[in-house]
Amino acid sequence: MSVFPEGFLWGGALAANQSEGAFREGGKGLTTVDMIPHGEHRMAVKLGLEKTFSVAR
């Protein structure tokens, strides 16, 4: 497909916890979004093959 069909509409969404940040402000703590694995062993952590990972600061 080289063009979008007539009437095609783009959409998008996000949740407040993905954009608001400031987890250390006002008594807020870490959420699951703050604990998403990153780095070289990211997939191993996500799949449960590696049990430890560091928290980005």
Protein backbone atom coordinates (compact mmCIF):
# COMPACT_ATOMS: atom_id res chain seq x y z
CA MET A 1 0.00 0.00 0.00
CA SER A 2 1.60 3.28 -1.06
CA VAL A 3 -1.18 5.61 0.10
CA PHE A 4 -3.67 5.52 2.93
CA PRO A 5 -7.30 4.86 2.05
CA GLU A 6 -9.68 7.81 1.78
CA GLY A 7 -11.06 8.64 5.21
CA PHE A 8 -8.11 7.07 7.05
CA LEU A 9 -7.67 8.59 10.52
CA TRP A 10 -4.53 8.52 12.66
CA GLY A 11 -4.97 7.80 16.35
CA GLY A 12 -2.83 7.83 19.44
CA ALA A 13 -3.09 7.53 23.19
CA LEU A 14 -1.08 7.60 26.39
CA ALA A 15 -1.74 7.18 30.07
CA ALA A 16 -1.03 9.81 32.71
CA ASN A 17 1.57 7.59 34.42
CA GLN A 18 3.55 7.45 31.15
CA SER A 19 3.92 11.21 30.86
CA GLU A 20 3.59 12.91 34.25
CA GLY A 21 6.81 11.69 35.86
CA ALA A 22 7.98 13.14 39.20
CA PHE A 23 7.87 9.83 41.07
CA ARG A 24 9.80 11.28 44.02
CA GLU A 25 7.47 14.27 44.44
CA GLY A 26 4.53 14.55 46.81
CA GLY A 27 5.03 11.13 48.41
CA LYS A 28 4.77 9.26 45.09
CA GLY A 29 6.68 6.02 44.69
CA LEU A 30 7.84 3.88 41.79
CA THR A 31 5.25 2.32 39.48
CA THR A 32 5.47 -0.56 37.01
CA VAL A 33 6.24 1.95 34.25
CA ASP A 34 9.25 3.17 36.26
CA MET A 35 10.52 -0.41 36.54
CA ILE A 36 10.56 -1.34 32.84
CA PRO A 37 13.87 -3.14 32.15
CA HIS A 38 16.41 -1.42 29.92
CA GLY A 39 19.83 -2.15 28.52
CA GLU A 40 21.56 -5.13 27.00
CA HIS A 41 19.73 -7.86 28.99
CA ARG A 42 16.29 -6.23 28.75
CA MET A 43 14.53 -9.14 27.01
CA ALA A 44 15.98 -11.73 29.40
CA VAL A 45 14.54 -9.77 32.33
CA LYS A 46 11.16 -9.36 30.61
CA LEU A 47 11.01 -13.10 29.86
CA GLY A 48 11.97 -14.03 33.42
CA LEU A 49 15.28 -15.62 32.37
CA GLU A 50 17.27 -13.10 34.40
CA LYS A 51 16.02 -12.25 37.88
CA THR A 52 17.96 -9.09 38.72
CA PHE A 53 18.42 -5.74 37.05
CA SER A 54 19.45 -2.22 38.02
CA VAL A 55 17.11 0.75 38.25
CA ALA A 56 17.92 3.68 35.93
CA ARG A 57 18.49 6.92 37.83
